[in-house]
Amino acid sequence: MRTTVEIPDAVLRRAKARAAELKISLRQFIAEAVAEKVGSMQLNARSERLKWAGQLRHLKEETARINALIEEEFGQLGK
């Protein structure tokens, strides 16, 4: 797919130089750089979700206690 992006001159010069060092085309270098960035963003988002979920572990016993109370009350309503 073709697209047009504006890249600061200094960044483009560095990208061209690095692509030349790696003996790959600028197109390949940019595609790999974007893919790497997108992949790391997805990993960071997943890590962030897991970090927050881990902080709620201490509520496990409280959740069980509340669920038992609800079950007890609803059980009595049906009798």
PDB file of N, CA and C in Angstrom:
ATOM      1  N   MET A   1       0.843  -1.163   0.000  1.00  0.00           N
ATOM      2  CA  MET A   1       0.000   0.000   0.000  1.00  0.00           C
ATOM      3  C   MET A   1       0.897   1.237   0.000  1.00  0.00           C
ATOM      4  N   ARG A   2       0.480   2.219  -0.698  1.00  0.00           N
ATOM      5  CA  ARG A   2       1.244   3.457  -0.758  1.00  0.00           C
ATOM      6  C   ARG A   2       0.602   4.495   0.156  1.00  0.00           C
ATOM      7  N   THR A   3       1.435   5.290   0.779  1.00  0.00           N
ATOM      8  CA  THR A   3       0.954   6.394   1.594  1.00  0.00           C
ATOM      9  C   THR A   3       2.028   7.462   1.628  1.00  0.00           C
ATOM     10  N   THR A   4       1.651   8.635   2.037  1.00  0.00           N
ATOM     11  CA  THR A   4       2.596   9.745   2.143  1.00  0.00           C
ATOM     12  C   THR A   4       2.655  10.189   3.592  1.00  0.00           C
ATOM     13  N   VAL A   5       3.845  10.323   4.109  1.00  0.00           N
ATOM     14  CA  VAL A   5       4.024  10.816   5.470  1.00  0.00           C
ATOM     15  C   VAL A   5       5.106  11.892   5.457  1.00  0.00           C
ATOM     16  N   GLU A   6       5.003  12.793   6.396  1.00  0.00           N
ATOM     17  CA  GLU A   6       6.042  13.803   6.564  1.00  0.00           C
ATOM     18  C   GLU A   6       6.937  13.371   7.715  1.00  0.00           C
ATOM     19  N   ILE A   7       8.220  13.270   7.414  1.00  0.00           N
ATOM     20  CA  ILE A   7       9.210  12.871   8.411  1.00  0.00           C
ATOM     21  C   ILE A   7      10.220  13.995   8.510  1.00  0.00           C
ATOM     22  N   PRO A   8      10.549  14.442   9.710  1.00  0.00           N
ATOM     23  CA  PRO A   8      11.553  15.495   9.833  1.00  0.00           C
ATOM     24  C   PRO A   8      12.845  15.113   9.107  1.00  0.00           C
ATOM     25  N   ASP A   9      13.471  16.094   8.472  1.00  0.00           N
ATOM     26  CA  ASP A   9      14.675  15.852   7.670  1.00  0.00           C
ATOM     27  C   ASP A   9      15.752  15.088   8.437  1.00  0.00           C
ATOM     28  N   ALA A  10      15.996  15.476   9.668  1.00  0.00           N
ATOM     29  CA  ALA A  10      17.054  14.840  10.452  1.00  0.00           C
ATOM     30  C   ALA A  10      16.742  13.361  10.699  1.00  0.00           C
ATOM     31  N   VAL A  11      15.478  13.065  10.973  1.00  0.00           N
ATOM     32  CA  VAL A  11      15.068  11.680  11.219  1.00  0.00           C
ATOM     33  C   VAL A  11      15.190  10.875   9.933  1.00  0.00           C
ATOM     34  N   LEU A  12      14.779  11.459   8.812  1.00  0.00           N
ATOM     35  CA  LEU A  12      14.879  10.761   7.531  1.00  0.00           C
ATOM     36  C   LEU A  12      16.334  10.468   7.173  1.00  0.00           C
ATOM     37  N   ARG A  13      17.205  11.421   7.405  1.00  0.00           N
ATOM     38  CA  ARG A  13      18.632  11.191   7.124  1.00  0.00           C
ATOM     39  C   ARG A  13      19.166  10.037   7.964  1.00  0.00           C
ATOM     40  N   ARG A  14      18.798  10.000   9.246  1.00  0.00           N
ATOM     41  CA  ARG A  14      19.256   8.919  10.117  1.00  0.00           C
ATOM     42  C   ARG A  14      18.679   7.577   9.680  1.00  0.00           C
ATOM     43  N   ALA A  15      17.416   7.592   9.251  1.00  0.00           N
ATOM     44  CA  ALA A  15      16.784   6.354   8.790  1.00  0.00           C
ATOM     45  C   ALA A  15      17.468   5.836   7.524  1.00  0.00           C
ATOM     46  N   LYS A  16      17.748   6.737   6.603  1.00  0.00           N
ATOM     47  CA  LYS A  16      18.439   6.333   5.376  1.00  0.00           C
ATOM     48  C   LYS A  16      19.818   5.764   5.686  1.00  0.00           C
ATOM     49  N   ALA A  17      20.527   6.402   6.585  1.00  0.00           N
ATOM     50  CA  ALA A  17      21.864   5.932   6.944  1.00  0.00           C
ATOM     51  C   ALA A  17      21.793   4.557   7.599  1.00  0.00           C
ATOM     52  N   ARG A  18      20.849   4.382   8.488  1.00  0.00           N
ATOM     53  CA  ARG A  18      20.729   3.086   9.180  1.00  0.00           C
ATOM     54  C   ARG A  18      20.316   1.985   8.205  1.00  0.00           C
ATOM     55  N   ALA A  19      19.398   2.306   7.295  1.00  0.00           N
ATOM     56  CA  ALA A  19      18.988   1.327   6.283  1.00  0.00           C
ATOM     57  C   ALA A  19      20.181   0.925   5.427  1.00  0.00           C
ATOM     58  N   ALA A  20      21.006   1.889   5.080  1.00  0.00           N
ATOM     59  CA  ALA A  20      22.196   1.590   4.273  1.00  0.00           C
ATOM     60  C   ALA A  20      23.158   0.698   5.056  1.00  0.00           C
ATOM     61  N   GLU A  21      23.338   0.976   6.342  1.00  0.00           N
ATOM     62  CA  GLU A  21      24.202   0.134   7.186  1.00  0.00           C
ATOM     63  C   GLU A  21      23.708  -1.304   7.222  1.00  0.00           C
ATOM     64  N   LEU A  22      22.395  -1.450   7.259  1.00  0.00           N
ATOM     65  CA  LEU A  22      21.786  -2.783   7.337  1.00  0.00           C
ATOM     66  C   LEU A  22      21.651  -3.437   5.964  1.00  0.00           C
ATOM     67  N   LYS A  23      21.989  -2.662   4.922  1.00  0.00           N
ATOM     68  CA  LYS A  23      21.879  -3.145   3.538  1.00  0.00           C
ATOM     69  C   LYS A  23      20.446  -3.560   3.188  1.00  0.00           C
ATOM     70  N   ILE A  24      19.489  -2.722   3.618  1.00  0.00           N
ATOM     71  CA  ILE A  24      18.084  -2.923   3.257  1.00  0.00           C
ATOM     72  C   ILE A  24      17.558  -1.610   2.691  1.00  0.00           C
ATOM     73  N   SER A  25      16.436  -1.693   2.002  1.00  0.00           N
ATOM     74  CA  SER A  25      15.849  -0.481   1.430  1.00  0.00           C
ATOM     75  C   SER A  25      15.243   0.388   2.530  1.00  0.00           C
ATOM     76  N   LEU A  26      15.119   1.661   2.233  1.00  0.00           N
ATOM     77  CA  LEU A  26      14.470   2.574   3.177  1.00  0.00           C
ATOM     78  C   LEU A  26      13.031   2.129   3.413  1.00  0.00           C
ATOM     79  N   ARG A  27      12.369   1.671   2.361  1.00  0.00           N
ATOM     80  CA  ARG A  27      10.993   1.186   2.476  1.00  0.00           C
ATOM     81  C   ARG A  27      10.919   0.044   3.488  1.00  0.00           C
ATOM     82  N   GLN A  28      11.810  -0.926   3.380  1.00  0.00           N
ATOM     83  CA  GLN A  28      11.821  -2.064   4.309  1.00  0.00           C
ATOM     84  C   GLN A  28      12.141  -1.600   5.722  1.00  0.00           C
ATOM     85  N   PHE A  29      13.110  -0.690   5.846  1.00  0.00           N
ATOM     86  CA  PHE A  29      13.493  -0.181   7.161  1.00  0.00           C
ATOM     87  C   PHE A  29      12.306   0.491   7.855  1.00  0.00           C
ATOM     88  N   ILE A  30      11.605   1.342   7.114  1.00  0.00           N
ATOM     89  CA  ILE A  30      10.461   2.058   7.701  1.00  0.00           C
ATOM     90  C   ILE A  30       9.337   1.085   8.037  1.00  0.00           C
ATOM     91  N   ALA A  31       9.058   0.130   7.150  1.00  0.00           N
ATOM     92  CA  ALA A  31       7.995  -0.849   7.415  1.00  0.00           C
ATOM     93  C   ALA A  31       8.302  -1.647   8.684  1.00  0.00           C
ATOM     94  N   GLU A  32       9.561  -2.081   8.827  1.00  0.00           N
ATOM     95  CA  GLU A  32       9.942  -2.844  10.020  1.00  0.00           C
ATOM     96  C   GLU A  32       9.881  -1.980  11.276  1.00  0.00           C
ATOM     97  N   ALA A  33      10.283  -0.725  11.154  1.00  0.00           N
ATOM     98  CA  ALA A  33      10.255   0.173  12.316  1.00  0.00           C
ATOM     99  C   ALA A  33       8.815   0.419  12.782  1.00  0.00           C
ATOM    100  N   VAL A  34       7.916   0.623  11.828  1.00  0.00           N
ATOM    101  CA  VAL A  34       6.511   0.849  12.179  1.00  0.00           C
ATOM    102  C   VAL A  34       5.909  -0.421  12.789  1.00  0.00           C
ATOM    103  N   ALA A  35       6.196  -1.570  12.190  1.00  0.00           N
ATOM    104  CA  ALA A  35       5.682  -2.836  12.723  1.00  0.00           C
ATOM    105  C   ALA A  35       6.187  -3.069  14.147  1.00  0.00           C
ATOM    106  N   GLU A  36       7.453  -2.771  14.379  1.00  0.00           N
ATOM    107  CA  GLU A  36       8.025  -2.938  15.722  1.00  0.00           C
ATOM    108  C   GLU A  36       7.349  -2.014  16.721  1.00  0.00           C
ATOM    109  N   LYS A  37       7.111  -0.783  16.315  1.00  0.00           N
ATOM    110  CA  LYS A  37       6.476   0.190  17.210  1.00  0.00           C
ATOM    111  C   LYS A  37       5.050  -0.227  17.541  1.00  0.00           C
ATOM    112  N   VAL A  38       4.302  -0.648  16.543  1.00  0.00           N
ATOM    113  CA  VAL A  38       2.920  -1.091  16.765  1.00  0.00           C
ATOM    114  C   VAL A  38       2.899  -2.307  17.676  1.00  0.00           C
ATOM    115  N   GLY A  39       3.797  -3.255  17.448  1.00  0.00           N
ATOM    116  CA  GLY A  39       3.872  -4.442  18.292  1.00  0.00           C
ATOM    117  C   GLY A  39       4.189  -4.113  19.735  1.00  0.00           C
ATOM    118  N   SER A  40       5.122  -3.190  19.946  1.00  0.00           N
ATOM    119  CA  SER A  40       5.482  -2.830  21.318  1.00  0.00           C
ATOM    120  C   SER A  40       4.349  -2.084  22.001  1.00  0.00           C
ATOM    121  N   MET A  41       3.576  -1.318  21.240  1.00  0.00           N
ATOM    122  CA  MET A  41       2.433  -0.607  21.827  1.00  0.00           C
ATOM    123  C   MET A  41       1.384  -1.603  22.298  1.00  0.00           C
ATOM    124  N   GLN A  42       1.164  -2.671  21.521  1.00  0.00           N
ATOM    125  CA  GLN A  42       0.196  -3.691  21.914  1.00  0.00           C
ATOM    126  C   GLN A  42       0.660  -4.420  23.163  1.00  0.00           C
ATOM    127  N   LEU A  43       1.951  -4.723  23.238  1.00  0.00           N
ATOM    128  CA  LEU A  43       2.488  -5.386  24.429  1.00  0.00           C
ATOM    129  C   LEU A  43       2.370  -4.487  25.645  1.00  0.00           C
ATOM    130  N   ASN A  44       2.645  -3.198  25.463  1.00  0.00           N
ATOM    131  CA  ASN A  44       2.545  -2.255  26.578  1.00  0.00           C
ATOM    132  C   ASN A  44       1.110  -2.144  27.071  1.00  0.00           C
ATOM    133  N   ALA A  45       0.157  -2.116  26.147  1.00  0.00           N
ATOM    134  CA  ALA A  45      -1.251  -2.033  26.543  1.00  0.00           C
ATOM    135  C   ALA A  45      -1.657  -3.277  27.329  1.00  0.00           C
ATOM    136  N   ARG A  46      -1.211  -4.446  26.869  1.00  0.00           N
ATOM    137  CA  ARG A  46      -1.528  -5.693  27.570  1.00  0.00           C
ATOM    138  C   ARG A  46      -0.885  -5.708  28.953  1.00  0.00           C
ATOM    139  N   SER A  47       0.360  -5.275  29.020  1.00  0.00           N
ATOM    140  CA  SER A  47       1.057  -5.235  30.303  1.00  0.00           C
ATOM    141  C   SER A  47       0.362  -4.297  31.277  1.00  0.00           C
ATOM    142  N   GLU A  48      -0.120  -3.166  30.755  1.00  0.00           N
ATOM    143  CA  GLU A  48      -0.819  -2.196  31.599  1.00  0.00           C
ATOM    144  C   GLU A  48      -2.105  -2.804  32.163  1.00  0.00           C
ATOM    145  N   ARG A  49      -2.854  -3.523  31.323  1.00  0.00           N
ATOM    146  CA  ARG A  49      -4.090  -4.167  31.798  1.00  0.00           C
ATOM    147  C   ARG A  49      -3.773  -5.207  32.868  1.00  0.00           C
ATOM    148  N   LEU A  50      -2.737  -6.011  32.631  1.00  0.00           N
ATOM    149  CA  LEU A  50      -2.368  -7.038  33.599  1.00  0.00           C
ATOM    150  C   LEU A  50      -1.894  -6.424  34.912  1.00  0.00           C
ATOM    151  N   LYS A  51      -1.192  -5.299  34.812  1.00  0.00           N
ATOM    152  CA  LYS A  51      -0.712  -4.634  36.017  1.00  0.00           C
ATOM    153  C   LYS A  51      -1.897  -4.202  36.880  1.00  0.00           C
ATOM    154  N   TRP A  52      -2.919  -3.610  36.245  1.00  0.00           N
ATOM    155  CA  TRP A  52      -4.084  -3.157  37.008  1.00  0.00           C
ATOM    156  C   TRP A  52      -4.866  -4.341  37.562  1.00  0.00           C
ATOM    157  N   ALA A  53      -4.993  -5.396  36.779  1.00  0.00           N
ATOM    158  CA  ALA A  53      -5.718  -6.579  37.252  1.00  0.00           C
ATOM    159  C   ALA A  53      -5.005  -7.174  38.461  1.00  0.00           C
ATOM    160  N   GLY A  54      -3.704  -7.199  38.442  1.00  0.00           N
ATOM    161  CA  GLY A  54      -2.929  -7.739  39.551  1.00  0.00           C
ATOM    162  C   GLY A  54      -3.107  -6.949  40.835  1.00  0.00           C
ATOM    163  N   GLN A  55      -3.403  -5.672  40.704  1.00  0.00           N
ATOM    164  CA  GLN A  55      -3.580  -4.838  41.889  1.00  0.00           C
ATOM    165  C   GLN A  55      -4.906  -5.086  42.585  1.00  0.00           C
ATOM    166  N   LEU A  56      -5.790  -5.838  41.959  1.00  0.00           N
ATOM    167  CA  LEU A  56      -7.096  -6.114  42.556  1.00  0.00           C
ATOM    168  C   LEU A  56      -7.162  -7.483  43.229  1.00  0.00           C
ATOM    169  N   ARG A  57      -6.046  -8.219  43.224  1.00  0.00           N
ATOM    170  CA  ARG A  57      -6.032  -9.560  43.811  1.00  0.00           C
ATOM    171  C   ARG A  57      -6.483  -9.577  45.263  1.00  0.00           C
ATOM    172  N   HIS A  58      -6.156  -8.549  46.005  1.00  0.00           N
ATOM    173  CA  HIS A  58      -6.498  -8.516  47.422  1.00  0.00           C
ATOM    174  C   HIS A  58      -8.014  -8.508  47.653  1.00  0.00           C
ATOM    175  N   LEU A  59      -8.792  -8.234  46.614  1.00  0.00           N
ATOM    176  CA  LEU A  59     -10.249  -8.205  46.752  1.00  0.00           C
ATOM    177  C   LEU A  59     -10.898  -9.571  46.525  1.00  0.00           C
ATOM    178  N   LYS A  60     -10.101 -10.580  46.206  1.00  0.00           N
ATOM    179  CA  LYS A  60     -10.638 -11.904  45.896  1.00  0.00           C
ATOM    180  C   LYS A  60     -11.459 -12.461  47.059  1.00  0.00           C
ATOM    181  N   GLU A  61     -10.920 -12.381  48.267  1.00  0.00           N
ATOM    182  CA  GLU A  61     -11.637 -12.910  49.437  1.00  0.00           C
ATOM    183  C   GLU A  61     -12.898 -12.098  49.716  1.00  0.00           C
ATOM    184  N   GLU A  62     -12.817 -10.788  49.545  1.00  0.00           N
ATOM    185  CA  GLU A  62     -13.988  -9.940  49.781  1.00  0.00           C
ATOM    186  C   GLU A  62     -15.075 -10.248  48.755  1.00  0.00           C
ATOM    187  N   THR A  63     -14.692 -10.464  47.532  1.00  0.00           N
ATOM    188  CA  THR A  63     -15.655 -10.815  46.478  1.00  0.00           C
ATOM    189  C   THR A  63     -16.328 -12.144  46.813  1.00  0.00           C
ATOM    190  N   ALA A  64     -15.572 -13.108  47.277  1.00  0.00           N
ATOM    191  CA  ALA A  64     -16.139 -14.405  47.656  1.00  0.00           C
ATOM    192  C   ALA A  64     -17.120 -14.235  48.808  1.00  0.00           C
ATOM    193  N   ARG A  65     -16.771 -13.398  49.777  1.00  0.00           N
ATOM    194  CA  ARG A  65     -17.647 -13.159  50.929  1.00  0.00           C
ATOM    195  C   ARG A  65     -18.962 -12.523  50.474  1.00  0.00           C
ATOM    196  N   ILE A  66     -18.877 -11.540  49.603  1.00  0.00           N
ATOM    197  CA  ILE A  66     -20.082 -10.859  49.105  1.00  0.00           C
ATOM    198  C   ILE A  66     -20.933 -11.819  48.282  1.00  0.00           C
ATOM    199  N   ASN A  67     -20.293 -12.616  47.455  1.00  0.00           N
ATOM    200  CA  ASN A  67     -21.041 -13.591  46.653  1.00  0.00           C
ATOM    201  C   ASN A  67     -21.762 -14.595  47.544  1.00  0.00           C
ATOM    202  N   ALA A  68     -21.134 -15.013  48.635  1.00  0.00           N
ATOM    203  CA  ALA A  68     -21.774 -15.948  49.572  1.00  0.00           C
ATOM    204  C   ALA A  68     -22.992 -15.301  50.224  1.00  0.00           C
ATOM    205  N   LEU A  69     -22.880 -14.030  50.595  1.00  0.00           N
ATOM    206  CA  LEU A  69     -24.016 -13.317  51.192  1.00  0.00           C
ATOM    207  C   LEU A  69     -25.176 -13.197  50.208  1.00  0.00           C
ATOM    208  N   ILE A  70     -24.855 -12.885  48.970  1.00  0.00           N
ATOM    209  CA  ILE A  70     -25.899 -12.765  47.944  1.00  0.00           C
ATOM    210  C   ILE A  70     -26.573 -14.116  47.738  1.00  0.00           C
ATOM    211  N   GLU A  71     -25.771 -15.168  47.637  1.00  0.00           N
ATOM    212  CA  GLU A  71     -26.318 -16.516  47.458  1.00  0.00           C
ATOM    213  C   GLU A  71     -27.210 -16.892  48.633  1.00  0.00           C
ATOM    214  N   GLU A  72     -26.781 -16.554  49.837  1.00  0.00           N
ATOM    215  CA  GLU A  72     -27.561 -16.866  51.035  1.00  0.00           C
ATOM    216  C   GLU A  72     -28.906 -16.135  50.999  1.00  0.00           C
ATOM    217  N   GLU A  73     -28.897 -14.854  50.651  1.00  0.00           N
ATOM    218  CA  GLU A  73     -30.130 -14.063  50.616  1.00  0.00           C
ATOM    219  C   GLU A  73     -31.074 -14.547  49.522  1.00  0.00           C
ATOM    220  N   PHE A  74     -30.555 -14.789  48.339  1.00  0.00           N
ATOM    221  CA  PHE A  74     -31.407 -15.248  47.248  1.00  0.00           C
ATOM    222  C   PHE A  74     -31.916 -16.654  47.511  1.00  0.00           C
ATOM    223  N   GLY A  75     -31.122 -17.463  48.173  1.00  0.00           N
ATOM    224  CA  GLY A  75     -31.563 -18.805  48.535  1.00  0.00           C
ATOM    225  C   GLY A  75     -32.748 -18.742  49.473  1.00  0.00           C
ATOM    226  N   GLN A  76     -32.741 -17.781  50.421  1.00  0.00           N
ATOM    227  CA  GLN A  76     -33.841 -17.643  51.382  1.00  0.00           C
ATOM    228  C   GLN A  76     -35.093 -17.088  50.730  1.00  0.00           C
ATOM    229  N   LEU A  77     -34.940 -16.260  49.710  1.00  0.00           N
ATOM    230  CA  LEU A  77     -36.115 -15.688  49.041  1.00  0.00           C
ATOM    231  C   LEU A  77     -36.926 -16.758  48.304  1.00  0.00           C
ATOM    232  N   GLY A  78     -36.237 -17.758  47.791  1.00  0.00           N
ATOM    233  CA  GLY A  78     -36.914 -18.806  47.043  1.00  0.00           C
ATOM    234  C   GLY A  78     -37.640 -19.816  47.932  1.00  0.00           C
ATOM    235  N   LYS A  79     -37.417 -19.798  49.239  1.00  0.00           N
ATOM    236  CA  LYS A  79     -38.019 -20.807  50.145  1.00  0.00           C
ATOM    237  C   LYS A  79     -39.341 -20.386  50.674  1.00  0.00           C
TER     238      LYS A  79
END
